[in-house]
């Protein structure tokens, strides 16, 4: 009878492959406004309904937003010589 050769255990045929450590280049986002960018200060103000209507009318005539109209009107008011 022929002799059957026993195969060695499979654990000896496994060659472990170790992968190198991955370096992730994920940009961590910070919260809030970007650093170094300067924005104007917000000044809350209350206006009577008649004043708001007049400001919106002026803004429509000059094709601008209400916020920009208020900024321009304040500038004009400060430039007027007494």
PDB file of N, CA and C in Angstrom:
ATOM      1  N   UNK A   1       0.826  -1.162   0.000  1.00  0.00           N
ATOM      2  CA  UNK A   1       0.000   0.000   0.000  1.00  0.00           C
ATOM      3  C   UNK A   1       0.880   1.239   0.000  1.00  0.00           C
ATOM      4  N   UNK A   2       0.378   2.238  -0.703  1.00  0.00           N
ATOM      5  CA  UNK A   2       1.165   3.465  -0.841  1.00  0.00           C
ATOM      6  C   UNK A   2       1.034   4.316   0.417  1.00  0.00           C
ATOM      7  N   UNK A   3       2.146   4.931   0.736  1.00  0.00           N
ATOM      8  CA  UNK A   3       2.153   5.766   1.929  1.00  0.00           C
ATOM      9  C   UNK A   3       1.635   7.165   1.574  1.00  0.00           C
ATOM     10  N   UNK A   4       0.661   7.643   2.329  1.00  0.00           N
ATOM     11  CA  UNK A   4       0.082   8.970   2.090  1.00  0.00           C
ATOM     12  C   UNK A   4       0.862   9.975   2.923  1.00  0.00           C
ATOM     13  N   UNK A   5       1.366  10.973   2.213  1.00  0.00           N
ATOM     14  CA  UNK A   5       2.131  12.003   2.915  1.00  0.00           C
ATOM     15  C   UNK A   5       1.155  12.975   3.572  1.00  0.00           C
ATOM     16  N   UNK A   6       1.372  13.204   4.803  1.00  0.00           N
ATOM     17  CA  UNK A   6       0.505  14.155   5.519  1.00  0.00           C
ATOM     18  C   UNK A   6       0.948  15.575   5.183  1.00  0.00           C
ATOM     19  N   UNK A   7      -0.030  16.392   4.913  1.00  0.00           N
ATOM     20  CA  UNK A   7       0.276  17.787   4.611  1.00  0.00           C
ATOM     21  C   UNK A   7       0.540  18.547   5.909  1.00  0.00           C
ATOM     22  N   UNK A   8       1.506  19.415   5.873  1.00  0.00           N
ATOM     23  CA  UNK A   8       1.752  20.196   7.092  1.00  0.00           C
ATOM     24  C   UNK A   8       0.573  21.129   7.364  1.00  0.00           C
ATOM     25  N   UNK A   9       0.478  21.555   8.534  1.00  0.00           N
ATOM     26  CA  UNK A   9      -0.629  22.423   8.951  1.00  0.00           C
ATOM     27  C   UNK A   9      -0.661  23.700   8.110  1.00  0.00           C
ATOM     28  N   UNK A  10      -1.857  24.217   7.858  1.00  0.00           N
ATOM     29  CA  UNK A  10      -2.035  25.414   7.033  1.00  0.00           C
ATOM     30  C   UNK A  10      -1.445  26.649   7.689  1.00  0.00           C
ATOM     31  N   UNK A  11      -1.288  26.622   8.965  1.00  0.00           N
ATOM     32  CA  UNK A  11      -0.761  27.810   9.652  1.00  0.00           C
ATOM     33  C   UNK A  11       0.674  28.124   9.244  1.00  0.00           C
ATOM     34  N   UNK A  12       1.374  27.176   8.742  1.00  0.00           N
ATOM     35  CA  UNK A  12       2.747  27.409   8.325  1.00  0.00           C
ATOM     36  C   UNK A  12       2.831  28.005   6.930  1.00  0.00           C
ATOM     37  N   UNK A  13       1.745  27.933   6.160  1.00  0.00           N
ATOM     38  CA  UNK A  13       1.738  28.470   4.815  1.00  0.00           C
ATOM     39  C   UNK A  13       1.238  29.911   4.761  1.00  0.00           C
ATOM     40  N   UNK A  14       0.733  30.413   5.854  1.00  0.00           N
ATOM     41  CA  UNK A  14       0.202  31.780   5.914  1.00  0.00           C
ATOM     42  C   UNK A  14       1.353  32.753   6.136  1.00  0.00           C
ATOM     43  N   UNK A  15       1.494  33.680   5.256  1.00  0.00           N
ATOM     44  CA  UNK A  15       2.497  34.713   5.434  1.00  0.00           C
ATOM     45  C   UNK A  15       1.763  35.983   5.869  1.00  0.00           C
ATOM     46  N   UNK A  16       1.991  36.424   7.083  1.00  0.00           N
ATOM     47  CA  UNK A  16       1.280  37.624   7.538  1.00  0.00           C
ATOM     48  C   UNK A  16       1.778  38.855   6.784  1.00  0.00           C
ATOM     49  N   UNK A  17       0.834  39.649   6.311  1.00  0.00           N
ATOM     50  CA  UNK A  17       1.166  40.887   5.606  1.00  0.00           C
ATOM     51  C   UNK A  17       0.666  42.035   6.468  1.00  0.00           C
ATOM     52  N   UNK A  18       1.587  42.833   6.906  1.00  0.00           N
ATOM     53  CA  UNK A  18       1.224  43.971   7.735  1.00  0.00           C
ATOM     54  C   UNK A  18       1.178  45.222   6.864  1.00  0.00           C
ATOM     55  N   UNK A  19       0.045  45.898   6.902  1.00  0.00           N
ATOM     56  CA  UNK A  19      -0.106  47.114   6.100  1.00  0.00           C
ATOM     57  C   UNK A  19       0.471  48.291   6.871  1.00  0.00           C
ATOM     58  N   UNK A  20       1.039  49.187   6.132  1.00  0.00           N
ATOM     59  CA  UNK A  20       1.578  50.380   6.750  1.00  0.00           C
ATOM     60  C   UNK A  20       0.468  51.259   7.314  1.00  0.00           C
ATOM     61  N   UNK A  21       0.808  52.098   8.264  1.00  0.00           N
ATOM     62  CA  UNK A  21      -0.169  52.969   8.885  1.00  0.00           C
ATOM     63  C   UNK A  21      -0.620  54.029   7.887  1.00  0.00           C
ATOM     64  N   UNK A  22      -1.945  54.214   7.777  1.00  0.00           N
ATOM     65  CA  UNK A  22      -2.471  55.200   6.845  1.00  0.00           C
ATOM     66  C   UNK A  22      -2.371  56.591   7.444  1.00  0.00           C
ATOM     67  N   UNK A  23      -2.035  57.523   6.579  1.00  0.00           N
ATOM     68  CA  UNK A  23      -2.035  58.916   7.008  1.00  0.00           C
ATOM     69  C   UNK A  23      -3.224  59.594   6.342  1.00  0.00           C
ATOM     70  N   UNK A  24      -4.114  60.074   7.149  1.00  0.00           N
ATOM     71  CA  UNK A  24      -5.308  60.724   6.624  1.00  0.00           C
ATOM     72  C   UNK A  24      -5.062  62.221   6.560  1.00  0.00           C
ATOM     73  N   UNK A  25      -5.447  62.802   5.446  1.00  0.00           N
ATOM     74  CA  UNK A  25      -5.280  64.241   5.279  1.00  0.00           C
ATOM     75  C   UNK A  25      -6.650  64.908   5.252  1.00  0.00           C
ATOM     76  N   UNK A  26      -7.433  64.619   6.252  1.00  0.00           N
ATOM     77  CA  UNK A  26      -8.770  65.201   6.346  1.00  0.00           C
ATOM     78  C   UNK A  26      -8.645  66.558   7.025  1.00  0.00           C
ATOM     79  N   UNK A  27      -9.179  67.595   6.362  1.00  0.00           N
ATOM     80  CA  UNK A  27      -9.125  68.948   6.916  1.00  0.00           C
ATOM     81  C   UNK A  27     -10.189  69.077   7.997  1.00  0.00           C
ATOM     82  N   UNK A  28      -9.763  69.375   9.201  1.00  0.00           N
ATOM     83  CA  UNK A  28     -10.708  69.532  10.296  1.00  0.00           C
ATOM     84  C   UNK A  28     -11.319  70.927  10.220  1.00  0.00           C
ATOM     85  N   UNK A  29     -12.629  70.972  10.068  1.00  0.00           N
ATOM     86  CA  UNK A  29     -13.314  72.246   9.916  1.00  0.00           C
ATOM     87  C   UNK A  29     -13.499  72.901  11.279  1.00  0.00           C
ATOM     88  N   UNK A  30     -13.247  74.182  11.317  1.00  0.00           N
ATOM     89  CA  UNK A  30     -13.464  74.916  12.550  1.00  0.00           C
ATOM     90  C   UNK A  30     -14.818  75.605  12.492  1.00  0.00           C
ATOM     91  N   UNK A  31     -15.369  75.877  13.633  1.00  0.00           N
ATOM     92  CA  UNK A  31     -16.673  76.503  13.694  1.00  0.00           C
ATOM     93  C   UNK A  31     -16.520  78.012  13.710  1.00  0.00           C
ATOM     94  N   UNK A  32     -17.545  78.692  13.258  1.00  0.00           N
ATOM     95  CA  UNK A  32     -17.553  80.143  13.302  1.00  0.00           C
ATOM     96  C   UNK A  32     -17.059  80.762  12.010  1.00  0.00           C
ATOM     97  N   UNK A  33     -16.891  82.055  12.048  1.00  0.00           N
ATOM     98  CA  UNK A  33     -16.434  82.786  10.868  1.00  0.00           C
ATOM     99  C   UNK A  33     -14.952  82.533  10.631  1.00  0.00           C
ATOM    100  N   UNK A  34     -14.524  82.675   9.381  1.00  0.00           N
ATOM    101  CA  UNK A  34     -13.108  82.458   9.076  1.00  0.00           C
ATOM    102  C   UNK A  34     -12.209  83.461   9.805  1.00  0.00           C
ATOM    103  N   UNK A  35     -11.051  82.991  10.212  1.00  0.00           N
ATOM    104  CA  UNK A  35     -10.106  83.853  10.914  1.00  0.00           C
ATOM    105  C   UNK A  35      -9.539  84.895   9.958  1.00  0.00           C
ATOM    106  N   UNK A  36      -9.330  86.076  10.450  1.00  0.00           N
ATOM    107  CA  UNK A  36      -8.717  87.130   9.653  1.00  0.00           C
ATOM    108  C   UNK A  36      -9.686  87.936   8.819  1.00  0.00           C
ATOM    109  N   UNK A  37     -10.929  87.516   8.730  1.00  0.00           N
ATOM    110  CA  UNK A  37     -11.906  88.262   7.945  1.00  0.00           C
ATOM    111  C   UNK A  37     -12.645  89.195   8.891  1.00  0.00           C
ATOM    112  N   UNK A  38     -12.620  90.462   8.576  1.00  0.00           N
ATOM    113  CA  UNK A  38     -13.261  91.455   9.430  1.00  0.00           C
ATOM    114  C   UNK A  38     -14.643  91.788   8.899  1.00  0.00           C
ATOM    115  N   UNK A  39     -15.626  91.733   9.760  1.00  0.00           N
ATOM    116  CA  UNK A  39     -16.981  92.092   9.413  1.00  0.00           C
ATOM    117  C   UNK A  39     -17.400  93.268  10.277  1.00  0.00           C
ATOM    118  N   UNK A  40     -18.315  94.073   9.735  1.00  0.00           N
ATOM    119  CA  UNK A  40     -18.810  95.204  10.496  1.00  0.00           C
ATOM    120  C   UNK A  40     -19.628  94.745  11.687  1.00  0.00           C
ATOM    121  N   UNK A  41     -19.745  95.612  12.635  1.00  0.00           N
ATOM    122  CA  UNK A  41     -20.495  95.305  13.845  1.00  0.00           C
ATOM    123  C   UNK A  41     -21.991  95.413  13.568  1.00  0.00           C
ATOM    124  N   UNK A  42     -22.763  94.535  14.138  1.00  0.00           N
ATOM    125  CA  UNK A  42     -24.213  94.577  13.999  1.00  0.00           C
ATOM    126  C   UNK A  42     -24.778  95.454  15.102  1.00  0.00           C
ATOM    127  N   UNK A  43     -25.607  96.415  14.698  1.00  0.00           N
ATOM    128  CA  UNK A  43     -26.243  97.305  15.661  1.00  0.00           C
ATOM    129  C   UNK A  43     -27.754  97.177  15.479  1.00  0.00           C
ATOM    130  N   UNK A  44     -28.413  96.531  16.416  1.00  0.00           N
ATOM    131  CA  UNK A  44     -29.867  96.404  16.284  1.00  0.00           C
ATOM    132  C   UNK A  44     -30.535  97.754  16.509  1.00  0.00           C
ATOM    133  N   UNK A  45     -31.568  98.016  15.745  1.00  0.00           N
ATOM    134  CA  UNK A  45     -32.305  99.276  15.876  1.00  0.00           C
ATOM    135  C   UNK A  45     -33.786  99.009  15.649  1.00  0.00           C
ATOM    136  N   UNK A  46     -34.619  99.806  16.294  1.00  0.00           N
ATOM    137  CA  UNK A  46     -36.069  99.698  16.121  1.00  0.00           C
ATOM    138  C   UNK A  46     -36.554 100.922  15.376  1.00  0.00           C
ATOM    139  N   UNK A  47     -37.429 100.681  14.398  1.00  0.00           N
ATOM    140  CA  UNK A  47     -38.000 101.760  13.606  1.00  0.00           C
ATOM    141  C   UNK A  47     -39.520 101.670  13.662  1.00  0.00           C
ATOM    142  N   UNK A  48     -40.160 102.815  13.604  1.00  0.00           N
ATOM    143  CA  UNK A  48     -41.618 102.867  13.516  1.00  0.00           C
ATOM    144  C   UNK A  48     -42.040 102.362  12.137  1.00  0.00           C
ATOM    145  N   UNK A  49     -43.256 101.838  12.004  1.00  0.00           N
ATOM    146  CA  UNK A  49     -43.715 101.322  10.709  1.00  0.00           C
ATOM    147  C   UNK A  49     -43.637 102.358   9.578  1.00  0.00           C
ATOM    148  N   UNK A  50     -43.890 103.632   9.896  1.00  0.00           N
ATOM    149  CA  UNK A  50     -43.816 104.679   8.869  1.00  0.00           C
ATOM    150  C   UNK A  50     -42.385 104.856   8.374  1.00  0.00           C
ATOM    151  N   UNK A  51     -41.432 104.780   9.301  1.00  0.00           N
ATOM    152  CA  UNK A  51     -40.018 104.924   8.947  1.00  0.00           C
ATOM    153  C   UNK A  51     -39.567 103.742   8.087  1.00  0.00           C
ATOM    154  N   UNK A  52     -40.010 102.541   8.435  1.00  0.00           N
ATOM    155  CA  UNK A  52     -39.654 101.353   7.655  1.00  0.00           C
ATOM    156  C   UNK A  52     -40.212 101.467   6.241  1.00  0.00           C
ATOM    157  N   UNK A  53     -41.437 101.941   6.125  1.00  0.00           N
ATOM    158  CA  UNK A  53     -42.045 102.110   4.804  1.00  0.00           C
ATOM    159  C   UNK A  53     -41.251 103.120   3.977  1.00  0.00           C
ATOM    160  N   UNK A  54     -40.812 104.218   4.611  1.00  0.00           N
ATOM    161  CA  UNK A  54     -40.029 105.235   3.902  1.00  0.00           C
ATOM    162  C   UNK A  54     -38.669 104.667   3.470  1.00  0.00           C
ATOM    163  N   UNK A  55     -38.043 103.879   4.333  1.00  0.00           N
ATOM    164  CA  UNK A  55     -36.743 103.270   4.007  1.00  0.00           C
ATOM    165  C   UNK A  55     -36.903 102.285   2.856  1.00  0.00           C
ATOM    166  N   UNK A  56     -37.950 101.467   2.895  1.00  0.00           N
ATOM    167  CA  UNK A  56     -38.170 100.497   1.822  1.00  0.00           C
ATOM    168  C   UNK A  56     -38.487 101.196   0.500  1.00  0.00           C
ATOM    169  N   UNK A  57     -39.214 102.316   0.559  1.00  0.00           N
ATOM    170  CA  UNK A  57     -39.498 103.084  -0.659  1.00  0.00           C
ATOM    171  C   UNK A  57     -38.196 103.630  -1.240  1.00  0.00           C
ATOM    172  N   UNK A  58     -37.327 104.164  -0.378  1.00  0.00           N
ATOM    173  CA  UNK A  58     -36.036 104.708  -0.822  1.00  0.00           C
ATOM    174  C   UNK A  58     -35.192 103.576  -1.421  1.00  0.00           C
ATOM    175  N   UNK A  59     -35.214 102.403  -0.779  1.00  0.00           N
ATOM    176  CA  UNK A  59     -34.434 101.255  -1.267  1.00  0.00           C
ATOM    177  C   UNK A  59     -34.929 100.817  -2.642  1.00  0.00           C
ATOM    178  N   UNK A  60     -36.255 100.797  -2.840  1.00  0.00           N
ATOM    179  CA  UNK A  60     -36.802 100.415  -4.149  1.00  0.00           C
ATOM    180  C   UNK A  60     -36.406 101.412  -5.224  1.00  0.00           C
ATOM    181  N   UNK A  61     -36.420 102.710  -4.891  1.00  0.00           N
ATOM    182  CA  UNK A  61     -36.046 103.751  -5.856  1.00  0.00           C
ATOM    183  C   UNK A  61     -34.583 103.641  -6.256  1.00  0.00           C
ATOM    184  N   UNK A  62     -33.750 103.206  -5.333  1.00  0.00           N
ATOM    185  CA  UNK A  62     -32.310 103.105  -5.597  1.00  0.00           C
ATOM    186  C   UNK A  62     -31.862 101.672  -5.879  1.00  0.00           C
ATOM    187  N   UNK A  63     -32.821 100.764  -6.053  1.00  0.00           N
ATOM    188  CA  UNK A  63     -32.561  99.358  -6.386  1.00  0.00           C
ATOM    189  C   UNK A  63     -31.515  98.723  -5.461  1.00  0.00           C
ATOM    190  N   UNK A  64     -31.805  98.735  -4.185  1.00  0.00           N
ATOM    191  CA  UNK A  64     -30.903  98.176  -3.183  1.00  0.00           C
ATOM    192  C   UNK A  64     -31.728  97.492  -2.104  1.00  0.00           C
ATOM    193  N   UNK A  65     -31.072  96.787  -1.217  1.00  0.00           N
ATOM    194  CA  UNK A  65     -31.769  96.107  -0.120  1.00  0.00           C
ATOM    195  C   UNK A  65     -32.053  97.093   1.005  1.00  0.00           C
ATOM    196  N   UNK A  66     -32.910  96.696   1.934  1.00  0.00           N
ATOM    197  CA  UNK A  66     -33.246  97.571   3.052  1.00  0.00           C
ATOM    198  C   UNK A  66     -32.017  97.825   3.927  1.00  0.00           C
ATOM    199  N   UNK A  67     -31.210  96.796   4.157  1.00  0.00           N
ATOM    200  CA  UNK A  67     -30.001  96.963   4.982  1.00  0.00           C
ATOM    201  C   UNK A  67     -29.029  97.951   4.340  1.00  0.00           C
ATOM    202  N   UNK A  68     -28.814  97.784   3.033  1.00  0.00           N
ATOM    203  CA  UNK A  68     -27.902  98.694   2.324  1.00  0.00           C
ATOM    204  C   UNK A  68     -28.477 100.105   2.302  1.00  0.00           C
ATOM    205  N   UNK A  69     -29.793 100.221   2.179  1.00  0.00           N
ATOM    206  CA  UNK A  69     -30.429 101.549   2.199  1.00  0.00           C
ATOM    207  C   UNK A  69     -30.198 102.235   3.531  1.00  0.00           C
ATOM    208  N   UNK A  70     -30.335 101.516   4.629  1.00  0.00           N
ATOM    209  CA  UNK A  70     -30.097 102.110   5.954  1.00  0.00           C
ATOM    210  C   UNK A  70     -28.648 102.563   6.069  1.00  0.00           C
ATOM    211  N   UNK A  71     -27.695 101.722   5.597  1.00  0.00           N
ATOM    212  CA  UNK A  71     -26.275 102.117   5.651  1.00  0.00           C
ATOM    213  C   UNK A  71     -26.027 103.384   4.840  1.00  0.00           C
ATOM    214  N   UNK A  72     -26.590 103.460   3.637  1.00  0.00           N
ATOM    215  CA  UNK A  72     -26.384 104.636   2.781  1.00  0.00           C
ATOM    216  C   UNK A  72     -27.026 105.882   3.374  1.00  0.00           C
ATOM    217  N   UNK A  73     -28.222 105.729   3.923  1.00  0.00           N
ATOM    218  CA  UNK A  73     -28.906 106.882   4.514  1.00  0.00           C
ATOM    219  C   UNK A  73     -28.154 107.410   5.732  1.00  0.00           C
ATOM    220  N   UNK A  74     -27.584 106.529   6.525  1.00  0.00           N
ATOM    221  CA  UNK A  74     -26.783 106.974   7.671  1.00  0.00           C
ATOM    222  C   UNK A  74     -25.554 107.712   7.168  1.00  0.00           C
ATOM    223  N   UNK A  75     -24.896 107.176   6.121  1.00  0.00           N
ATOM    224  CA  UNK A  75     -23.732 107.863   5.534  1.00  0.00           C
ATOM    225  C   UNK A  75     -24.096 109.250   5.056  1.00  0.00           C
ATOM    226  N   UNK A  76     -25.214 109.343   4.330  1.00  0.00           N
ATOM    227  CA  UNK A  76     -25.651 110.644   3.825  1.00  0.00           C
ATOM    228  C   UNK A  76     -25.946 111.600   4.971  1.00  0.00           C
ATOM    229  N   UNK A  77     -26.585 111.102   6.008  1.00  0.00           N
ATOM    230  CA  UNK A  77     -26.880 111.933   7.176  1.00  0.00           C
ATOM    231  C   UNK A  77     -25.633 112.433   7.867  1.00  0.00           C
ATOM    232  N   UNK A  78     -24.582 111.629   7.895  1.00  0.00           N
ATOM    233  CA  UNK A  78     -23.334 112.048   8.547  1.00  0.00           C
ATOM    234  C   UNK A  78     -22.549 113.029   7.693  1.00  0.00           C
ATOM    235  N   UNK A  79     -22.754 113.020   6.380  1.00  0.00           N
ATOM    236  CA  UNK A  79     -22.009 113.898   5.503  1.00  0.00           C
ATOM    237  C   UNK A  79     -22.628 115.297   5.398  1.00  0.00           C
ATOM    238  N   UNK A  80     -23.876 115.429   5.786  1.00  0.00           N
ATOM    239  CA  UNK A  80     -24.571 116.720   5.664  1.00  0.00           C
ATOM    240  C   UNK A  80     -23.916 117.723   6.611  1.00  0.00           C
ATOM    241  N   UNK A  81     -23.561 118.875   6.030  1.00  0.00           N
ATOM    242  CA  UNK A  81     -22.959 119.933   6.862  1.00  0.00           C
ATOM    243  C   UNK A  81     -24.075 120.773   7.452  1.00  0.00           C
ATOM    244  N   UNK A  82     -23.938 121.119   8.695  1.00  0.00           N
ATOM    245  CA  UNK A  82     -24.957 121.925   9.377  1.00  0.00           C
ATOM    246  C   UNK A  82     -24.760 123.392   9.112  1.00  0.00           C
TER     247      UNK A  82
END
